[in-house]
């Protein structure tokens, strides 16, 4: 199974001098997600929490809403010609009676920013497919001073980032600022899927009253994943996209960008933030 980090030779130049030394890099390997044995998606990820990533992805696709809908999650043996297990292919077997979506090349995938769908179609897809459509009714209130402290708490908990400097992070917090879970991955969307997947496995979906903080920007894809998991507040240390803001307004989610130090921009749902 792939490691979270790997070592590579690097020529390091500092103050005009060069030295050859090993460097620690974040591992990146493909993960193929299969549903009932049929190929569904491939993502580049940092190995680890692969089962959570797979089921979290299926939450964002509207396929899963609870752990009871999953019969089993396994690595696929014999994924290569010589029959070895690469630990890079995961199969999610649905429980009896759970509807299986139509898996075709033309299926209505809206989980990536390059899906080719227009903005309105993307918003409609999330609204109609969400298993937890009541985000707008979530009464949670979050003090602004709690939000301003979250980036430092997220950064302090990023153990692998300290060794590589090459990972995104997603952190799940309570409205009081308690860190509930943190996942790191080379892909920001994978980090969120791992958070959501672990919540599904623990029977904690929908994530009412929770705050999701991401270490980069807030794309439509991340906003979509938050809405599909029933998360009422999404915050990012960088900028949101226009479609992410549209989705937040449409769904009733609170969206915060440029959360740095005492400053932030609230793009939607400002009524949940208390000053």
Protein backbone atom coordinates (compact mmCIF):
# COMPACT_ATOMS: atom_id res chain seq x y z
CA UNK A 1 0.00 0.00 0.00
CA UNK A 2 1.26 3.48 -0.84
CA UNK A 3 2.74 5.61 1.91
CA UNK A 4 1.61 9.08 2.84
CA UNK A 5 5.09 10.47 2.16
CA UNK A 6 8.03 9.47 -0.01
CA UNK A 7 11.70 10.46 -0.18
CA UNK A 8 13.32 11.93 -3.28
CA UNK A 9 16.76 13.34 -4.13
CA UNK A 10 16.88 17.12 -4.43
CA UNK A 11 19.59 19.69 -5.13
CA UNK A 12 19.01 22.44 -2.60
CA UNK A 13 20.40 25.90 -3.26
CA UNK A 14 20.63 28.31 -0.37
CA UNK A 15 22.66 31.53 -0.15
CA UNK A 16 24.49 30.72 -3.36
CA UNK A 17 25.56 27.25 -2.25
CA UNK A 18 24.26 23.89 -3.52
CA UNK A 19 23.89 20.63 -1.64
CA UNK A 20 22.40 17.25 -2.53
CA UNK A 21 20.01 15.94 0.08
CA UNK A 22 16.86 13.81 0.43
CA UNK A 23 13.55 15.61 0.58
CA UNK A 24 10.18 14.43 1.92
CA UNK A 25 7.33 14.68 -0.57
CA UNK A 26 3.64 13.97 -0.21
CA UNK A 27 2.65 10.75 -1.98
CA UNK A 28 0.20 10.96 -4.87
CA UNK A 29 -1.41 7.86 -6.36
CA UNK A 30 -4.59 7.19 -8.36
CA UNK A 31 -7.62 5.72 -6.66
CA UNK A 32 -10.30 4.05 -8.74
CA UNK A 33 -13.70 3.98 -7.06
CA UNK A 34 -16.03 1.18 -8.12
CA UNK A 35 -19.70 0.86 -7.25
CA UNK A 36 -21.02 -2.68 -7.02
CA UNK A 37 -17.99 -3.79 -9.02
CA UNK A 38 -18.40 -1.27 -11.84
CA UNK A 39 -15.88 1.57 -12.41
CA UNK A 40 -17.30 4.91 -11.30
CA UNK A 41 -14.50 7.47 -10.91
CA UNK A 42 -10.75 7.93 -10.63
CA UNK A 43 -9.13 10.54 -8.44
CA UNK A 44 -5.52 11.39 -7.62
CA UNK A 45 -5.14 11.22 -3.86
CA UNK A 46 -2.77 10.79 -0.94
CA UNK A 47 -3.12 7.15 0.23
CA UNK A 48 -4.93 6.77 3.52
CA UNK A 49 -8.60 6.84 4.57
CA UNK A 50 -9.41 5.40 1.14
CA UNK A 51 -12.66 3.78 2.28
CA UNK A 52 -13.83 7.07 3.81
CA UNK A 53 -12.85 8.88 0.63
CA UNK A 54 -14.90 6.48 -1.49
CA UNK A 55 -18.08 6.65 0.58
CA UNK A 56 -17.67 10.40 1.06
CA UNK A 57 -17.52 10.78 -2.70
CA UNK A 58 -20.75 8.79 -2.96
CA UNK A 59 -22.40 11.12 -0.45
CA UNK A 60 -21.52 14.06 -2.69
CA UNK A 61 -22.96 12.11 -5.64
CA UNK A 62 -26.26 11.66 -3.80
CA UNK A 63 -25.87 7.88 -3.72
CA UNK A 64 -25.37 7.47 0.04
CA UNK A 65 -26.89 9.11 3.07
CA UNK A 66 -26.19 6.68 5.90
CA UNK A 67 -23.81 3.88 6.85
CA UNK A 68 -26.66 1.36 6.70
CA UNK A 69 -26.77 1.77 2.92
CA UNK A 70 -23.26 0.31 2.59
CA UNK A 71 -22.88 -3.45 2.60
CA UNK A 72 -19.08 -3.50 2.34
CA UNK A 73 -16.08 -1.46 1.23
CA UNK A 74 -13.03 -3.42 0.07
CA UNK A 75 -9.82 -3.12 -1.87
CA UNK A 76 -10.03 -5.02 -5.14
CA UNK A 77 -7.60 -7.90 -5.45
CA UNK A 78 -6.34 -8.79 -8.88
CA UNK A 79 -6.58 -5.21 -10.11
CA UNK A 80 -3.46 -5.72 -12.23
CA UNK A 81 -2.60 -8.29 -14.91
CA UNK A 82 -0.40 -10.26 -12.54
CA UNK A 83 -3.17 -10.39 -9.94
CA UNK A 84 -1.50 -8.29 -7.25
CA UNK A 85 -3.38 -5.92 -5.03
CA UNK A 86 -2.31 -2.33 -5.68
CA UNK A 87 -4.55 -0.93 -2.92
CA UNK A 88 -5.50 1.69 -5.48
CA UNK A 89 -8.90 0.23 -6.42
CA UNK A 90 -11.79 0.39 -3.93
CA UNK A 91 -15.17 -1.23 -4.43
CA UNK A 92 -18.24 0.00 -2.56
CA UNK A 93 -20.98 -2.61 -2.37
CA UNK A 94 -24.38 -1.14 -1.67
CA UNK A 95 -26.79 -2.77 0.76
CA UNK A 96 -29.79 -4.63 -0.59
CA UNK A 97 -32.50 -2.31 -1.82
CA UNK A 98 -30.32 0.78 -2.19
CA UNK A 99 -30.89 2.26 -5.67
CA UNK A 100 -27.89 2.01 -7.98
CA UNK A 101 -27.41 5.09 -10.18
CA UNK A 102 -27.00 4.76 -13.91
CA UNK A 103 -23.24 4.50 -14.42
CA UNK A 104 -22.47 5.57 -17.96
CA UNK A 105 -19.97 7.88 -19.61
CA UNK A 106 -22.80 10.37 -20.02
CA UNK A 107 -24.00 10.22 -16.41
CA UNK A 108 -24.87 13.50 -14.71
CA UNK A 109 -21.67 14.06 -12.74
CA UNK A 110 -21.48 17.49 -11.19
CA UNK A 111 -18.69 17.01 -8.65
CA UNK A 112 -15.89 18.71 -10.59
CA UNK A 113 -15.53 22.30 -11.69
CA UNK A 114 -14.78 21.06 -15.21
CA UNK A 115 -17.97 19.04 -15.56
CA UNK A 116 -19.13 21.11 -18.52
CA UNK A 117 -22.57 21.78 -17.06
CA UNK A 118 -23.95 25.29 -16.98
CA UNK A 119 -24.29 27.00 -13.63
CA UNK A 120 -28.05 26.60 -13.35
CA UNK A 121 -27.89 22.89 -14.22
CA UNK A 122 -25.22 22.39 -11.57
CA UNK A 123 -27.30 24.14 -8.92
CA UNK A 124 -30.39 22.17 -9.87
CA UNK A 125 -28.45 18.90 -9.70
CA UNK A 126 -27.31 19.56 -6.15
CA UNK A 127 -30.75 20.65 -4.99
CA UNK A 128 -32.57 17.66 -6.43
CA UNK A 129 -29.97 15.06 -5.43
CA UNK A 130 -29.19 16.21 -1.88
CA UNK A 131 -30.18 13.72 0.79
CA UNK A 132 -30.12 16.51 3.41
CA UNK A 133 -31.86 19.52 1.85
CA UNK A 134 -32.51 21.35 5.11
CA UNK A 135 -29.25 23.33 5.33
CA UNK A 136 -31.13 26.63 5.15
CA UNK A 137 -33.08 25.75 8.31
CA UNK A 138 -30.00 25.00 10.42
CA UNK A 139 -30.18 27.45 13.36
CA UNK A 140 -26.47 27.35 14.27
CA UNK A 141 -24.76 30.63 15.15
CA UNK A 142 -21.00 31.04 15.11
CA UNK A 143 -19.16 33.91 16.84
CA UNK A 144 -16.80 35.77 14.53
CA UNK A 145 -14.01 35.47 17.09
CA UNK A 146 -14.35 31.67 16.95
CA UNK A 147 -13.99 31.70 13.16
CA UNK A 148 -10.87 33.85 13.24
CA UNK A 149 -9.11 31.30 15.42
CA UNK A 150 -9.88 28.28 13.23
CA UNK A 151 -7.10 28.65 10.59
CA UNK A 152 -4.41 28.53 13.28
CA UNK A 153 -6.02 25.45 14.84
CA UNK A 154 -6.21 23.78 11.44
CA UNK A 155 -2.60 24.56 10.63
CA UNK A 156 -1.37 23.36 14.04
CA UNK A 157 -3.04 19.98 13.47
CA UNK A 158 -1.53 19.41 10.00
CA UNK A 159 1.15 16.88 10.85
CA UNK A 160 2.01 15.75 7.33
CA UNK A 161 2.09 19.31 5.99
CA UNK A 162 4.88 20.05 8.46
CA UNK A 163 7.00 17.38 6.78
CA UNK A 164 6.10 18.08 3.13
CA UNK A 165 4.51 21.51 2.70
CA UNK A 166 2.41 19.98 -0.07
CA UNK A 167 -0.98 19.06 1.34
CA UNK A 168 -4.43 20.58 1.51
CA UNK A 169 -6.45 20.19 4.68
CA UNK A 170 -10.10 20.14 5.65
CA UNK A 171 -11.16 20.55 9.24
CA UNK A 172 -14.55 19.96 10.82
CA UNK A 173 -15.33 22.15 13.83
CA UNK A 174 -18.19 22.78 16.22
CA UNK A 175 -19.70 26.25 16.49
CA UNK A 176 -17.56 26.70 19.61
CA UNK A 177 -14.34 25.99 17.72
CA UNK A 178 -13.74 22.40 18.84
CA UNK A 179 -11.88 20.38 16.23
CA UNK A 180 -13.93 17.27 15.45
CA UNK A 181 -11.88 15.86 12.57
CA UNK A 182 -9.08 16.83 10.21
CA UNK A 183 -7.92 15.15 7.01
CA UNK A 184 -5.03 16.01 4.71
CA UNK A 185 -4.70 15.15 1.05
CA UNK A 186 -2.96 16.30 -2.09
CA UNK A 187 -6.44 17.11 -3.42
CA UNK A 188 -8.62 19.54 -1.49
CA UNK A 189 -11.76 17.74 -2.69
CA UNK A 190 -10.37 14.43 -1.41
CA UNK A 191 -9.73 15.91 2.02
CA UNK A 192 -13.39 16.96 2.22
CA UNK A 193 -14.59 13.57 0.96
CA UNK A 194 -12.55 11.89 3.70
CA UNK A 195 -14.16 14.14 6.32
CA UNK A 196 -17.65 13.41 5.01
CA UNK A 197 -16.96 9.70 4.58
CA UNK A 198 -15.71 9.31 8.13
CA UNK A 199 -18.84 11.11 9.36
CA UNK A 200 -21.02 8.70 7.39
CA UNK A 201 -19.15 5.70 8.77
CA UNK A 202 -19.69 7.03 12.30
CA UNK A 203 -23.40 7.67 11.72
CA UNK A 204 -23.07 11.44 12.08
CA UNK A 205 -24.66 12.62 8.83
CA UNK A 206 -26.10 15.15 8.31
CA UNK A 207 -23.46 17.36 9.91
CA UNK A 208 -25.85 19.84 11.46
CA UNK A 209 -24.30 22.72 13.38
CA UNK A 210 -20.84 22.08 11.97
CA UNK A 211 -18.27 24.39 10.39
CA UNK A 212 -16.09 23.08 7.55
CA UNK A 213 -12.81 24.91 7.03
CA UNK A 214 -10.67 24.31 3.93
CA UNK A 215 -7.08 25.41 3.55
CA UNK A 216 -7.40 26.73 0.00
CA UNK A 217 -10.12 28.34 -2.04
CA UNK A 218 -13.83 27.52 -1.94
CA UNK A 219 -14.75 26.12 -5.35
CA UNK A 220 -18.22 25.05 -6.45
CA UNK A 221 -17.10 21.46 -5.93
CA UNK A 222 -16.31 22.01 -2.24
CA UNK A 223 -19.48 24.01 -1.65
CA UNK A 224 -21.45 21.20 -3.29
CA UNK A 225 -19.86 18.59 -1.04
CA UNK A 226 -20.67 20.65 2.06
CA UNK A 227 -24.31 21.06 1.03
CA UNK A 228 -24.67 17.36 0.23
CA UNK A 229 -23.37 16.49 3.72
CA UNK A 230 -25.73 18.93 5.43
CA UNK A 231 -22.97 21.31 6.59
CA UNK A 232 -24.37 24.81 7.25
CA UNK A 233 -21.11 26.81 7.34
CA UNK A 234 -18.19 26.59 4.90
CA UNK A 235 -15.11 28.76 5.44
CA UNK A 236 -11.97 29.06 3.34
CA UNK A 237 -8.69 30.87 3.83
CA UNK A 238 -8.76 31.94 0.19
CA UNK A 239 -11.35 33.11 -2.32
CA UNK A 240 -14.63 31.47 -3.33
CA UNK A 241 -15.72 31.08 -6.92
CA UNK A 242 -18.82 32.80 -8.27
CA UNK A 243 -20.68 29.50 -8.64
CA UNK A 244 -19.80 28.53 -5.07
CA UNK A 245 -21.43 31.76 -3.90
CA UNK A 246 -24.48 31.09 -6.07
CA UNK A 247 -24.85 27.62 -4.58
CA UNK A 248 -24.47 28.95 -1.02
CA UNK A 249 -27.19 31.55 -1.62
CA UNK A 250 -29.47 29.01 -3.30
CA UNK A 251 -29.07 26.38 -0.57
CA UNK A 252 -29.02 28.68 2.46
CA UNK A 253 -25.45 27.80 3.44
CA UNK A 254 -23.11 30.32 5.03
CA UNK A 255 -19.98 30.88 2.92
CA UNK A 256 -16.90 32.69 4.18
CA UNK A 257 -13.74 33.48 2.25
CA UNK A 258 -10.38 35.12 2.97
CA UNK A 259 -10.50 33.98 6.60
CA UNK A 260 -7.16 35.37 7.70
CA UNK A 261 -6.33 36.77 11.10
CA UNK A 262 -9.21 38.95 12.32
CA UNK A 263 -10.54 39.47 8.78
CA UNK A 264 -13.03 37.62 6.61
CA UNK A 265 -15.50 38.12 3.79
CA UNK A 266 -19.00 36.71 4.25
CA UNK A 267 -20.51 35.94 0.85
CA UNK A 268 -23.75 34.28 1.96
CA UNK A 269 -25.65 33.47 5.13
CA UNK A 270 -24.24 36.33 7.21
CA UNK A 271 -27.10 35.94 9.70
CA UNK A 272 -25.30 32.94 11.22
CA UNK A 273 -22.20 34.97 12.16
CA UNK A 274 -22.41 36.90 15.42
CA UNK A 275 -20.11 39.86 16.00
